[in-house]
Amino acid sequence: MPYLYLAIAIISEVVATSALKATAEFTRLGPSLIVVAGYGLAFYFMTLTIRTIPVGITYAVWSGAGIVLVILAGILLYRQIPDLPAIIGMALIVAGVMVIHLFSKTVRH
């Protein structure tokens, strides 16, 4: 269950972050409600996750996956295309999360 909770937290955070631009500095109600609800869900489900997965590992996966997914959302929603250094940086983040999961003794395998 903790990885399901983590997935929900990640998706909620990505939805909230992706809606930030649409809020127009919180002057538009609909997108603003999506942001508030999304972050609320994200943090709630993260608290469920850290019951069993160490907080540092949880945050590494949450932020790493969130970065990559928010950039993908930016491409799809706002036509914000990352340049080569951004792509390389994302690849390094994904590699870091993979190293944690494959080799760290703090993660249950």
Protein backbone atom coordinates (compact mmCIF):
# COMPACT_ATOMS: atom_id res chain seq x y z
CA MET A 1 0.00 0.00 0.00
CA PRO A 2 2.75 2.56 0.69
CA TYR A 3 3.75 2.71 -2.98
CA LEU A 4 0.12 3.23 -3.98
CA TYR A 5 -0.06 6.10 -1.48
CA LEU A 6 3.16 7.50 -2.88
CA ALA A 7 1.82 7.28 -6.44
CA ILE A 8 -1.32 9.16 -5.41
CA ALA A 9 0.82 11.79 -3.67
CA ILE A 10 2.97 12.22 -6.77
CA ILE A 11 0.01 12.47 -9.16
CA SER A 12 -1.77 14.94 -6.87
CA GLU A 13 1.32 17.13 -6.64
CA VAL A 14 1.84 17.03 -10.41
CA VAL A 15 -1.77 18.04 -11.05
CA ALA A 16 -1.50 20.87 -8.52
CA THR A 17 1.81 22.16 -9.81
CA SER A 18 0.65 21.92 -13.42
CA ALA A 19 -2.42 24.02 -12.57
CA LEU A 20 -0.40 26.81 -10.92
CA LYS A 21 0.09 28.75 -14.15
CA ALA A 22 -3.64 28.57 -14.92
CA THR A 23 -4.49 30.23 -11.59
CA ALA A 24 -3.16 33.58 -12.91
CA GLU A 25 -1.68 34.34 -9.48
CA PHE A 26 -4.72 32.81 -7.76
CA THR A 27 -7.19 35.16 -9.46
CA ARG A 28 -9.06 32.30 -11.16
CA LEU A 29 -11.14 30.19 -8.77
CA GLY A 30 -11.28 26.84 -10.62
CA PRO A 31 -7.55 26.34 -11.13
CA SER A 32 -6.87 27.75 -7.65
CA LEU A 33 -9.12 25.11 -6.09
CA ILE A 34 -7.32 22.41 -8.08
CA VAL A 35 -3.98 23.64 -6.72
CA VAL A 36 -5.13 23.71 -3.10
CA ALA A 37 -6.88 20.32 -3.31
CA GLY A 38 -3.97 18.75 -5.19
CA TYR A 39 -1.36 19.85 -2.67
CA GLY A 40 -3.62 18.86 0.22
CA LEU A 41 -4.02 15.35 -1.19
CA ALA A 42 -0.33 15.12 -2.01
CA PHE A 43 0.77 15.92 1.52
CA TYR A 44 -1.90 13.71 3.10
CA PHE A 45 -0.87 10.69 1.04
CA MET A 46 2.79 11.43 1.67
CA THR A 47 2.10 11.21 5.42
CA LEU A 48 0.58 7.78 4.84
CA THR A 49 3.63 6.75 2.84
CA ILE A 50 6.16 7.74 5.49
CA ARG A 51 4.57 5.35 7.96
CA THR A 52 6.52 2.55 6.28
CA ILE A 53 9.01 4.11 3.83
CA PRO A 54 11.73 6.36 5.30
CA VAL A 55 10.96 10.05 4.83
CA GLY A 56 14.16 10.73 2.87
CA ILE A 57 13.47 7.93 0.40
CA THR A 58 9.84 8.99 0.10
CA TYR A 59 10.84 12.55 -0.64
CA ALA A 60 13.51 11.52 -3.15
CA VAL A 61 11.03 9.46 -5.15
CA TRP A 62 8.23 12.04 -4.78
CA SER A 63 10.35 14.96 -5.90
CA GLY A 64 12.22 13.07 -8.62
CA ALA A 65 9.10 11.66 -10.22
CA GLY A 66 7.32 14.97 -9.74
CA ILE A 67 10.04 16.91 -11.56
CA VAL A 68 9.93 14.64 -14.57
CA LEU A 69 6.12 14.51 -14.70
CA VAL A 70 5.71 18.28 -14.26
CA ILE A 71 8.13 18.88 -17.13
CA LEU A 72 6.10 16.46 -19.27
CA ALA A 73 2.92 18.30 -18.27
CA GLY A 74 4.59 21.60 -19.19
CA ILE A 75 5.37 20.21 -22.62
CA LEU A 76 1.80 18.99 -23.16
CA LEU A 77 -0.13 21.85 -21.55
CA TYR A 78 2.02 24.90 -22.13
CA ARG A 79 4.36 23.91 -24.99
CA GLN A 80 7.38 24.48 -22.73
CA ILE A 81 10.06 22.34 -24.36
CA PRO A 82 13.11 21.60 -22.18
CA ASP A 83 16.56 22.08 -23.66
CA LEU A 84 19.34 19.48 -23.61
CA PRO A 85 20.75 20.43 -20.18
CA ALA A 86 17.25 20.11 -18.68
CA ILE A 87 16.83 16.67 -20.24
CA ILE A 88 20.24 15.57 -18.97
CA GLY A 89 19.35 16.86 -15.50
CA MET A 90 16.10 14.90 -15.51
CA ALA A 91 17.96 11.77 -16.58
CA LEU A 92 20.34 12.20 -13.66
CA ILE A 93 17.41 12.59 -11.26
CA VAL A 94 15.81 9.40 -12.57
CA ALA A 95 19.17 7.62 -12.32
CA GLY A 96 19.51 8.78 -8.71
CA VAL A 97 16.10 7.44 -7.76
CA MET A 98 16.93 4.14 -9.48
CA VAL A 99 20.21 3.86 -7.54
CA ILE A 100 18.31 4.40 -4.30
CA HIS A 101 15.79 1.68 -5.12
CA LEU A 102 18.25 -0.81 -6.52
CA PHE A 103 21.09 -0.50 -4.04
CA SER A 104 20.04 1.27 -0.84
CA LYS A 105 19.49 -0.87 2.23
CA THR A 106 16.97 1.67 3.55
CA VAL A 107 14.45 0.59 0.90
CA ARG A 108 12.65 -2.69 1.32
CA HIS A 109 13.21 -4.85 -1.76
